[in-house]
Every structure is written in structure tokens, then in C-alpha cells.
Amino acid sequence: MSNHVVLKMKKVICYLCLLMTPALTLANGFKAIKSDKPITIDGKSDESIWEKATSYPIDQIILGENLTKEDFSGSFKLVWDENTLYINAQIQDDILFDQHANPLYKYWDDDCLEIFIDEDNSGGDHQFSFNAFAYHVALDNQAVDFGESIAGKPASPILLNDHIKSVWRRNEKAPHQITWEVAVRIVDDTFQYLAPIEKSLVKLHKGKIMGFMLAYCDNDGSETREHFIGSTYIKPINGDKNLGYKTADVFDTLILIDNK
């Protein structure tokens, strides 16, 4: 049996399990509320819909030790419409650092917001495929993830800026919190890097369940990031919690709901 067939069978089984999952099970996941109009991505967060959305902490240390609130703290809210998932992250980071001019080089060691999305909540490996995504949204607002092997060439980092619109700004008042707004166009696993994104875009609807996790890479001036902090507890395997970029099995669930 081919790997493609096995993956499709796994997704069917996963979907059937979701249909039988009690609502209480999903209560521990994230919820995004519906907006009746598109959100303006400007780092201002002045739309009233944000006041209705639940705030979730970014407080699970994946990498690093001795993290203080002065060094980093964060939270986020989620909103959706038919075409877009919107993220409003509130970030407190005392030092912003982007050491590499090349956006495709060691981007995970720069300060960045990392958005994990599994459109059909199927789980499974995605490091070198588009079964799920780990968008690294950099301080220059570009989005990077690993691509697939194309024409026999090894998989390599690629820019996915047509998936993401990002704007952040600092508050002028101490402690100068960052408001980071992101609009994500959701694609399914038929996405191909060289094909128009429109071929794989997914329309969002009430009740849709996706795999989701949010994280932040924090570097205060070192060669590598000092901390990696996420929204979701990850059970370590052989002492390793940094699994999200490889497998969607560690993602949490996100359900789209009304704003009533």
C-alpha cells in the first residue's frame, strides 16, 4: 500500500473520530470567533470583535531555561471569516533581534512568531511536506517554512508570503508591548509551491476543526535562540519537546464558532 493511500486512510479515520468526539473534549482546545467583516491588519487591533475573543497564553517553554516575564511574555486571540484566520498576539519582548539578512537562513534563530496549522486536523509528519505548516513570521513580516522536494532537489526553506499578511507595532508607553496582527489564508494539503495558491484555498465555516499551535522564538543577541515558547504543552520524546516543526500530532485543536 502506498504512503499516499495510507495518509488518506488516516485522514478519513481521523475525521470519523472527530465526528464522534464529544463537545467536552474540544473544550480544552482553542476557539476562534466569527467576524462579520474582514479585519484590517495594521497592528492597531481597534476592531470591536477582538474584545469578544478569548485570550490564550503563550507560556509553555519548549526550549531554554530561566525565562522571566521581563524577557518574554505573550498571549493571543483568534478570529475568522470565510476567507481568513486572524491572529492578534500581544508580545512583551525586551530585545528584538534579527541577525540574518537572508530571510531563508536560520530564520528560527531570529525573533519570530511561529504559526502551526493543520487544515484538516489529520496530524502526521509535515517537515518536508504540506500536510501541515509551521509558518515562521519574521520581524520583516515575511513567512518561511520548509518546502517539499521538487524535481529531485532536496527540500529547502521557502517564502510563503502569499499565505500570510503580518503587521506589528510597539506601544509607545512602557513596557512597550507589541501588538502583532496576522491574517492567514488557509490551504489544504493539495497545495503546491509552484501552483497558484487559489487552487488549494479552503473556505472556512462554523464548526470547522483545525490543528493549531502558536509559538514565539526569542533571541536576545545570541548565535541561537535562547527560548522557544508555545501555546500548547508538548509531551517530550526522549527529552525533546521541539516537535511541532516535524509532526502535527503535537498541535492542539482549533474550532471555529459564532460570535454570539
C-alpha atoms as a PDB file:
ATOM      1  CA  MET A   1       0.000   0.000   0.000  1.00  0.00           C
ATOM      2  CA  SER A   2       1.439   3.398  -0.991  1.00  0.00           C
ATOM      3  CA  ASN A   3       2.245   6.105   1.542  1.00  0.00           C
ATOM      4  CA  HIS A   4      -0.308   8.355  -0.188  1.00  0.00           C
ATOM      5  CA  VAL A   5      -3.095   5.820   0.353  1.00  0.00           C
ATOM      6  CA  VAL A   6      -2.074   5.275   3.978  1.00  0.00           C
ATOM      7  CA  LEU A   7      -2.152   9.029   4.625  1.00  0.00           C
ATOM      8  CA  LYS A   8      -5.606   9.391   3.057  1.00  0.00           C
ATOM      9  CA  MET A   9      -6.909   6.459   5.143  1.00  0.00           C
ATOM     10  CA  LYS A  10      -5.524   8.074   8.270  1.00  0.00           C
ATOM     11  CA  LYS A  11      -7.323  11.330   7.456  1.00  0.00           C
ATOM     12  CA  VAL A  12     -10.645   9.535   6.937  1.00  0.00           C
ATOM     13  CA  ILE A  13     -10.286   7.741  10.265  1.00  0.00           C
ATOM     14  CA  CYS A  14      -9.331  10.998  11.986  1.00  0.00           C
ATOM     15  CA  TYR A  15     -12.366  12.760  10.517  1.00  0.00           C
ATOM     16  CA  LEU A  16     -14.708   9.977  11.687  1.00  0.00           C
ATOM     17  CA  CYS A  17     -13.203  10.197  15.160  1.00  0.00           C
ATOM     18  CA  LEU A  18     -13.848  13.936  15.225  1.00  0.00           C
ATOM     19  CA  LEU A  19     -17.485  13.360  14.315  1.00  0.00           C
ATOM     20  CA  MET A  20     -17.795  11.099  17.349  1.00  0.00           C
ATOM     21  CA  THR A  21     -15.819  13.380  19.687  1.00  0.00           C
ATOM     22  CA  PRO A  22     -17.950  14.872  22.476  1.00  0.00           C
ATOM     23  CA  ALA A  23     -18.014  18.664  22.654  1.00  0.00           C
ATOM     24  CA  LEU A  24     -16.387  18.499  26.089  1.00  0.00           C
ATOM     25  CA  THR A  25     -13.254  17.009  24.563  1.00  0.00           C
ATOM     26  CA  LEU A  26     -12.835  20.047  22.309  1.00  0.00           C
ATOM     27  CA  ALA A  27     -13.371  22.421  25.223  1.00  0.00           C
ATOM     28  CA  ASN A  28      -9.664  22.232  26.017  1.00  0.00           C
ATOM     29  CA  GLY A  29      -8.660  23.432  22.550  1.00  0.00           C
ATOM     30  CA  PHE A  30      -8.728  26.934  21.084  1.00  0.00           C
ATOM     31  CA  LYS A  31     -11.769  28.769  19.757  1.00  0.00           C
ATOM     32  CA  ALA A  32     -11.877  31.443  17.054  1.00  0.00           C
ATOM     33  CA  ILE A  33     -14.975  33.630  16.830  1.00  0.00           C
ATOM     34  CA  LYS A  34     -16.503  34.785  13.564  1.00  0.00           C
ATOM     35  CA  SER A  35     -16.161  38.349  12.299  1.00  0.00           C
ATOM     36  CA  ASP A  36     -18.874  39.709  10.035  1.00  0.00           C
ATOM     37  CA  LYS A  37     -16.329  41.797   8.154  1.00  0.00           C
ATOM     38  CA  PRO A  38     -12.617  41.484   7.299  1.00  0.00           C
ATOM     39  CA  ILE A  39     -10.082  42.569   9.907  1.00  0.00           C
ATOM     40  CA  THR A  40      -7.635  45.322   8.961  1.00  0.00           C
ATOM     41  CA  ILE A  41      -4.105  44.087   9.554  1.00  0.00           C
ATOM     42  CA  ASP A  42      -2.398  47.217  10.861  1.00  0.00           C
ATOM     43  CA  GLY A  43      -1.127  46.363  14.346  1.00  0.00           C
ATOM     44  CA  LYS A  44      -3.802  48.521  15.985  1.00  0.00           C
ATOM     45  CA  SER A  45      -6.399  45.912  16.951  1.00  0.00           C
ATOM     46  CA  ASP A  46      -9.133  48.537  17.143  1.00  0.00           C
ATOM     47  CA  GLU A  47     -11.956  46.348  15.809  1.00  0.00           C
ATOM     48  CA  SER A  48     -14.600  45.638  18.452  1.00  0.00           C
ATOM     49  CA  ILE A  49     -14.618  41.906  17.633  1.00  0.00           C
ATOM     50  CA  TRP A  50     -11.293  41.493  19.439  1.00  0.00           C
ATOM     51  CA  GLU A  51     -12.971  42.442  22.714  1.00  0.00           C
ATOM     52  CA  LYS A  52     -15.215  39.368  22.394  1.00  0.00           C
ATOM     53  CA  ALA A  53     -12.414  36.915  21.610  1.00  0.00           C
ATOM     54  CA  THR A  54     -10.825  34.702  24.270  1.00  0.00           C
ATOM     55  CA  SER A  55      -7.233  35.460  25.225  1.00  0.00           C
ATOM     56  CA  TYR A  56      -4.888  32.461  25.388  1.00  0.00           C
ATOM     57  CA  PRO A  57      -1.404  32.488  26.967  1.00  0.00           C
ATOM     58  CA  ILE A  58       1.881  31.674  25.254  1.00  0.00           C
ATOM     59  CA  ASP A  59       3.530  30.171  28.306  1.00  0.00           C
ATOM     60  CA  GLN A  60       4.794  26.654  27.567  1.00  0.00           C
ATOM     61  CA  ILE A  61       8.603  26.561  27.423  1.00  0.00           C
ATOM     62  CA  ILE A  62       9.706  24.283  24.597  1.00  0.00           C
ATOM     63  CA  LEU A  63      13.398  25.257  24.557  1.00  0.00           C
ATOM     64  CA  GLY A  64      15.505  27.205  27.018  1.00  0.00           C
ATOM     65  CA  GLU A  65      15.707  27.767  30.753  1.00  0.00           C
ATOM     66  CA  ASN A  66      15.168  30.501  33.334  1.00  0.00           C
ATOM     67  CA  LEU A  67      12.674  32.501  31.289  1.00  0.00           C
ATOM     68  CA  THR A  68      11.465  35.660  33.040  1.00  0.00           C
ATOM     69  CA  LYS A  69       8.381  37.773  32.302  1.00  0.00           C
ATOM     70  CA  GLU A  70      10.700  40.704  31.640  1.00  0.00           C
ATOM     71  CA  ASP A  71      12.420  38.683  28.920  1.00  0.00           C
ATOM     72  CA  PHE A  72       9.229  37.399  27.305  1.00  0.00           C
ATOM     73  CA  SER A  73       5.519  37.026  27.921  1.00  0.00           C
ATOM     74  CA  GLY A  74       2.717  36.684  25.420  1.00  0.00           C
ATOM     75  CA  SER A  75      -0.919  35.950  24.683  1.00  0.00           C
ATOM     76  CA  PHE A  76      -3.161  35.813  21.617  1.00  0.00           C
ATOM     77  CA  LYS A  77      -6.741  35.905  20.326  1.00  0.00           C
ATOM     78  CA  LEU A  78      -8.304  34.273  17.266  1.00  0.00           C
ATOM     79  CA  VAL A  79     -10.993  35.492  14.852  1.00  0.00           C
ATOM     80  CA  TRP A  80     -12.135  34.130  11.487  1.00  0.00           C
ATOM     81  CA  ASP A  81     -14.192  34.916   8.439  1.00  0.00           C
ATOM     82  CA  GLU A  82     -14.925  32.836   5.351  1.00  0.00           C
ATOM     83  CA  ASN A  83     -11.536  33.535   3.789  1.00  0.00           C
ATOM     84  CA  THR A  84      -9.112  34.100   6.658  1.00  0.00           C
ATOM     85  CA  LEU A  85      -7.951  33.120  10.124  1.00  0.00           C
ATOM     86  CA  TYR A  86      -6.865  36.214  12.072  1.00  0.00           C
ATOM     87  CA  ILE A  87      -4.361  36.205  14.928  1.00  0.00           C
ATOM     88  CA  ASN A  88      -3.878  39.045  17.392  1.00  0.00           C
ATOM     89  CA  ALA A  89      -0.776  38.381  19.504  1.00  0.00           C
ATOM     90  CA  GLN A  90       0.263  40.570  22.418  1.00  0.00           C
ATOM     91  CA  ILE A  91       4.009  40.176  22.889  1.00  0.00           C
ATOM     92  CA  GLN A  92       6.310  41.521  25.588  1.00  0.00           C
ATOM     93  CA  ASP A  93       9.910  41.091  24.419  1.00  0.00           C
ATOM     94  CA  ASP A  94      12.623  43.290  25.882  1.00  0.00           C
ATOM     95  CA  ILE A  95      15.011  42.842  22.933  1.00  0.00           C
ATOM     96  CA  LEU A  96      14.070  42.345  19.278  1.00  0.00           C
ATOM     97  CA  PHE A  97      16.802  40.634  17.293  1.00  0.00           C
ATOM     98  CA  ASP A  98      17.149  39.678  13.622  1.00  0.00           C
ATOM     99  CA  GLN A  99      20.738  38.740  12.877  1.00  0.00           C
ATOM    100  CA  HIS A 100      20.468  37.302   9.360  1.00  0.00           C
ATOM    101  CA  ALA A 101      19.668  39.478   6.344  1.00  0.00           C
ATOM    102  CA  ASN A 102      18.759  36.387   4.300  1.00  0.00           C
ATOM    103  CA  PRO A 103      15.161  35.540   5.329  1.00  0.00           C
ATOM    104  CA  LEU A 104      15.739  31.863   4.467  1.00  0.00           C
ATOM    105  CA  TYR A 105      18.862  31.377   6.594  1.00  0.00           C
ATOM    106  CA  LYS A 106      18.493  30.162  10.190  1.00  0.00           C
ATOM    107  CA  TYR A 107      15.224  32.051  10.473  1.00  0.00           C
ATOM    108  CA  TRP A 108      14.283  30.011  13.555  1.00  0.00           C
ATOM    109  CA  ASP A 109      17.168  31.622  15.476  1.00  0.00           C
ATOM    110  CA  ASP A 110      15.770  35.139  14.992  1.00  0.00           C
ATOM    111  CA  ASP A 111      12.873  36.613  16.932  1.00  0.00           C
ATOM    112  CA  CYS A 112       9.735  35.457  15.147  1.00  0.00           C
ATOM    113  CA  LEU A 113       6.127  34.398  15.630  1.00  0.00           C
ATOM    114  CA  GLU A 114       5.572  30.779  14.628  1.00  0.00           C
ATOM    115  CA  ILE A 115       2.107  29.673  13.484  1.00  0.00           C
ATOM    116  CA  PHE A 116       1.358  25.953  13.227  1.00  0.00           C
ATOM    117  CA  ILE A 117      -1.705  24.971  11.170  1.00  0.00           C
ATOM    118  CA  ASP A 118      -3.054  21.579  10.139  1.00  0.00           C
ATOM    119  CA  GLU A 119      -6.079  22.412   7.969  1.00  0.00           C
ATOM    120  CA  ASP A 120      -7.887  19.078   8.332  1.00  0.00           C
ATOM    121  CA  ASN A 121      -6.543  18.233  11.822  1.00  0.00           C
ATOM    122  CA  SER A 122      -5.199  14.954  10.445  1.00  0.00           C
ATOM    123  CA  GLY A 123      -1.900  15.045  12.320  1.00  0.00           C
ATOM    124  CA  GLY A 124       1.171  13.325  10.984  1.00  0.00           C
ATOM    125  CA  ASP A 125       4.564  14.322   9.626  1.00  0.00           C
ATOM    126  CA  HIS A 126       4.914  17.608   7.767  1.00  0.00           C
ATOM    127  CA  GLN A 127       8.565  18.632   7.980  1.00  0.00           C
ATOM    128  CA  PHE A 128       9.118  18.097   4.256  1.00  0.00           C
ATOM    129  CA  SER A 129       5.521  18.204   3.033  1.00  0.00           C
ATOM    130  CA  PHE A 130       2.430  20.408   3.057  1.00  0.00           C
ATOM    131  CA  ASN A 131       0.427  18.045   5.242  1.00  0.00           C
ATOM    132  CA  ALA A 132       0.614  20.911   7.771  1.00  0.00           C
ATOM    133  CA  PHE A 133       2.517  24.184   8.100  1.00  0.00           C
ATOM    134  CA  ALA A 134       4.906  25.829  10.543  1.00  0.00           C
ATOM    135  CA  TYR A 135       4.934  29.441   9.383  1.00  0.00           C
ATOM    136  CA  HIS A 136       7.859  31.407  10.840  1.00  0.00           C
ATOM    137  CA  VAL A 137       6.708  35.042  10.630  1.00  0.00           C
ATOM    138  CA  ALA A 138       9.808  37.209  10.885  1.00  0.00           C
ATOM    139  CA  LEU A 139      10.288  40.759  12.123  1.00  0.00           C
ATOM    140  CA  ASP A 140      10.277  41.894   8.489  1.00  0.00           C
ATOM    141  CA  ASN A 141       6.796  40.270   8.242  1.00  0.00           C
ATOM    142  CA  GLN A 142       7.878  37.571   5.790  1.00  0.00           C
ATOM    143  CA  ALA A 143       6.708  33.977   6.321  1.00  0.00           C
ATOM    144  CA  VAL A 144       9.025  30.980   5.918  1.00  0.00           C
ATOM    145  CA  ASP A 145       8.547  27.223   6.136  1.00  0.00           C
ATOM    146  CA  PHE A 146      10.298  24.156   4.732  1.00  0.00           C
ATOM    147  CA  GLY A 147       9.078  23.088   1.313  1.00  0.00           C
ATOM    148  CA  GLU A 148       8.873  19.766  -0.456  1.00  0.00           C
ATOM    149  CA  SER A 149      11.455  18.077  -2.612  1.00  0.00           C
ATOM    150  CA  ILE A 150      10.882  19.307  -6.176  1.00  0.00           C
ATOM    151  CA  ALA A 151      12.271  17.625  -9.307  1.00  0.00           C
ATOM    152  CA  GLY A 152      14.601  15.518  -7.197  1.00  0.00           C
ATOM    153  CA  LYS A 153      16.114  18.513  -5.426  1.00  0.00           C
ATOM    154  CA  PRO A 154      16.357  18.369  -1.607  1.00  0.00           C
ATOM    155  CA  ALA A 155      13.647  20.171   0.360  1.00  0.00           C
ATOM    156  CA  SER A 156      14.656  23.667   1.424  1.00  0.00           C
ATOM    157  CA  PRO A 157      13.151  26.743   3.143  1.00  0.00           C
ATOM    158  CA  ILE A 158      10.678  28.734   1.049  1.00  0.00           C
ATOM    159  CA  LEU A 159       8.849  32.043   1.380  1.00  0.00           C
ATOM    160  CA  LEU A 160       5.075  31.714   1.720  1.00  0.00           C
ATOM    161  CA  ASN A 161       4.186  35.381   1.780  1.00  0.00           C
ATOM    162  CA  ASP A 162       1.022  34.830  -0.256  1.00  0.00           C
ATOM    163  CA  HIS A 163      -0.335  32.810   2.704  1.00  0.00           C
ATOM    164  CA  ILE A 164       0.376  35.436   5.347  1.00  0.00           C
ATOM    165  CA  LYS A 165      -0.185  39.137   5.907  1.00  0.00           C
ATOM    166  CA  SER A 166       1.558  40.423   9.020  1.00  0.00           C
ATOM    167  CA  VAL A 167       1.949  43.798  10.739  1.00  0.00           C
ATOM    168  CA  TRP A 168       3.313  44.508  14.211  1.00  0.00           C
ATOM    169  CA  ARG A 169       3.943  47.664  16.181  1.00  0.00           C
ATOM    170  CA  ARG A 170       5.159  48.605  19.648  1.00  0.00           C
ATOM    171  CA  ASN A 171       3.139  50.628  22.113  1.00  0.00           C
ATOM    172  CA  GLU A 172       4.805  53.970  22.854  1.00  0.00           C
ATOM    173  CA  LYS A 173       4.109  53.526  26.574  1.00  0.00           C
ATOM    174  CA  ALA A 174       6.190  51.304  28.863  1.00  0.00           C
ATOM    175  CA  PRO A 175       6.587  48.353  28.856  1.00  0.00           C
ATOM    176  CA  HIS A 176       6.226  48.898  25.065  1.00  0.00           C
ATOM    177  CA  GLN A 177       4.135  45.834  24.352  1.00  0.00           C
ATOM    178  CA  ILE A 178       3.996  44.592  20.770  1.00  0.00           C
ATOM    179  CA  THR A 179       0.676  44.080  19.039  1.00  0.00           C
ATOM    180  CA  TRP A 180       1.278  41.584  16.234  1.00  0.00           C
ATOM    181  CA  GLU A 181      -1.601  41.000  13.836  1.00  0.00           C
ATOM    182  CA  VAL A 182      -1.589  38.229  11.237  1.00  0.00           C
ATOM    183  CA  ALA A 183      -4.076  37.178   8.569  1.00  0.00           C
ATOM    184  CA  VAL A 184      -3.637  33.576   7.414  1.00  0.00           C
ATOM    185  CA  ARG A 185      -5.162  32.215   4.206  1.00  0.00           C
ATOM    186  CA  ILE A 186      -5.843  28.534   4.879  1.00  0.00           C
ATOM    187  CA  VAL A 187      -4.787  25.965   2.291  1.00  0.00           C
ATOM    188  CA  ASP A 188      -5.277  22.208   2.258  1.00  0.00           C
ATOM    189  CA  ASP A 189      -2.667  19.526   1.674  1.00  0.00           C
ATOM    190  CA  THR A 190      -3.060  19.703  -2.114  1.00  0.00           C
ATOM    191  CA  PHE A 191      -1.025  22.926  -2.028  1.00  0.00           C
ATOM    192  CA  GLN A 192       1.904  23.018  -4.438  1.00  0.00           C
ATOM    193  CA  TYR A 193       4.555  25.680  -4.137  1.00  0.00           C
ATOM    194  CA  LEU A 194       4.759  26.416  -7.859  1.00  0.00           C
ATOM    195  CA  ALA A 195       0.980  26.397  -8.397  1.00  0.00           C
ATOM    196  CA  PRO A 196      -1.368  29.358  -7.751  1.00  0.00           C
ATOM    197  CA  ILE A 197      -2.473  29.406  -4.117  1.00  0.00           C
ATOM    198  CA  GLU A 198      -6.103  29.763  -5.244  1.00  0.00           C
ATOM    199  CA  LYS A 199      -6.128  26.086  -6.280  1.00  0.00           C
ATOM    200  CA  SER A 200      -5.798  24.936  -2.666  1.00  0.00           C
ATOM    201  CA  LEU A 201      -7.515  27.682  -0.658  1.00  0.00           C
ATOM    202  CA  VAL A 202     -10.148  26.495   1.817  1.00  0.00           C
ATOM    203  CA  LYS A 203     -13.358  28.320   2.703  1.00  0.00           C
ATOM    204  CA  LEU A 204     -13.842  28.481   6.457  1.00  0.00           C
ATOM    205  CA  HIS A 205     -17.145  27.730   8.165  1.00  0.00           C
ATOM    206  CA  LYS A 206     -18.703  27.404  11.586  1.00  0.00           C
ATOM    207  CA  GLY A 207     -17.760  24.127  13.248  1.00  0.00           C
ATOM    208  CA  LYS A 208     -14.589  23.574  11.230  1.00  0.00           C
ATOM    209  CA  ILE A 209     -11.812  21.995  13.286  1.00  0.00           C
ATOM    210  CA  MET A 210      -8.141  22.501  12.520  1.00  0.00           C
ATOM    211  CA  GLY A 211      -4.890  21.618  14.210  1.00  0.00           C
ATOM    212  CA  PHE A 212      -3.301  24.755  15.669  1.00  0.00           C
ATOM    213  CA  MET A 213      -0.497  25.970  17.863  1.00  0.00           C
ATOM    214  CA  LEU A 214       1.238  29.336  18.290  1.00  0.00           C
ATOM    215  CA  ALA A 215       4.789  29.917  19.466  1.00  0.00           C
ATOM    216  CA  TYR A 216       7.496  32.570  19.704  1.00  0.00           C
ATOM    217  CA  CYS A 217      11.232  32.282  19.050  1.00  0.00           C
ATOM    218  CA  ASP A 218      13.110  34.594  21.445  1.00  0.00           C
ATOM    219  CA  ASN A 219      16.703  35.629  20.854  1.00  0.00           C
ATOM    220  CA  ASP A 220      18.320  38.488  22.767  1.00  0.00           C
ATOM    221  CA  GLY A 221      21.528  38.605  20.736  1.00  0.00           C
ATOM    222  CA  SER A 222      22.979  35.100  20.755  1.00  0.00           C
ATOM    223  CA  GLU A 223      24.046  32.908  17.853  1.00  0.00           C
ATOM    224  CA  THR A 224      20.993  30.729  18.506  1.00  0.00           C
ATOM    225  CA  ARG A 225      17.643  31.483  20.137  1.00  0.00           C
ATOM    226  CA  GLU A 226      17.636  31.354  23.919  1.00  0.00           C
ATOM    227  CA  HIS A 227      13.978  30.398  24.293  1.00  0.00           C
ATOM    228  CA  PHE A 228      11.158  28.888  22.311  1.00  0.00           C
ATOM    229  CA  ILE A 229       7.769  29.346  23.968  1.00  0.00           C
ATOM    230  CA  GLY A 230       4.454  27.886  22.826  1.00  0.00           C
ATOM    231  CA  SER A 231       0.740  27.906  23.487  1.00  0.00           C
ATOM    232  CA  THR A 232       0.444  24.151  23.939  1.00  0.00           C
ATOM    233  CA  TYR A 233       2.002  21.598  26.267  1.00  0.00           C
ATOM    234  CA  ILE A 234       4.101  19.072  24.353  1.00  0.00           C
ATOM    235  CA  LYS A 235       4.959  15.763  25.963  1.00  0.00           C
ATOM    236  CA  PRO A 236       8.699  15.270  25.375  1.00  0.00           C
ATOM    237  CA  ILE A 237      10.030  12.320  23.413  1.00  0.00           C
ATOM    238  CA  ASN A 238      13.480  11.321  24.630  1.00  0.00           C
ATOM    239  CA  GLY A 239      13.608  14.688  26.385  1.00  0.00           C
ATOM    240  CA  ASP A 240      12.740  16.661  23.228  1.00  0.00           C
ATOM    241  CA  LYS A 241       9.711  18.994  23.176  1.00  0.00           C
ATOM    242  CA  ASN A 242      10.653  20.743  19.927  1.00  0.00           C
ATOM    243  CA  LEU A 243       8.451  18.530  17.770  1.00  0.00           C
ATOM    244  CA  GLY A 244       5.945  20.901  16.183  1.00  0.00           C
ATOM    245  CA  TYR A 245       8.004  21.626  13.075  1.00  0.00           C
ATOM    246  CA  LYS A 246       8.133  17.903  12.334  1.00  0.00           C
ATOM    247  CA  THR A 247       4.744  16.486  13.297  1.00  0.00           C
ATOM    248  CA  ALA A 248       1.247  17.899  13.592  1.00  0.00           C
ATOM    249  CA  ASP A 249       0.455  15.234  16.178  1.00  0.00           C
ATOM    250  CA  VAL A 250       1.501  17.694  18.906  1.00  0.00           C
ATOM    251  CA  PHE A 251      -0.789  20.507  17.724  1.00  0.00           C
ATOM    252  CA  ASP A 252      -3.846  21.491  19.735  1.00  0.00           C
ATOM    253  CA  THR A 253      -7.345  21.732  18.216  1.00  0.00           C
ATOM    254  CA  LEU A 254      -8.946  24.947  16.965  1.00  0.00           C
ATOM    255  CA  ILE A 255     -12.697  25.134  16.378  1.00  0.00           C
ATOM    256  CA  LEU A 256     -14.429  27.977  14.523  1.00  0.00           C
ATOM    257  CA  ILE A 257     -17.508  29.310  16.304  1.00  0.00           C
ATOM    258  CA  ASP A 258     -20.028  32.151  16.057  1.00  0.00           C
ATOM    259  CA  ASN A 259     -19.533  35.400  17.990  1.00  0.00           C
ATOM    260  CA  LYS A 260     -22.906  35.202  19.702  1.00  0.00           C
END
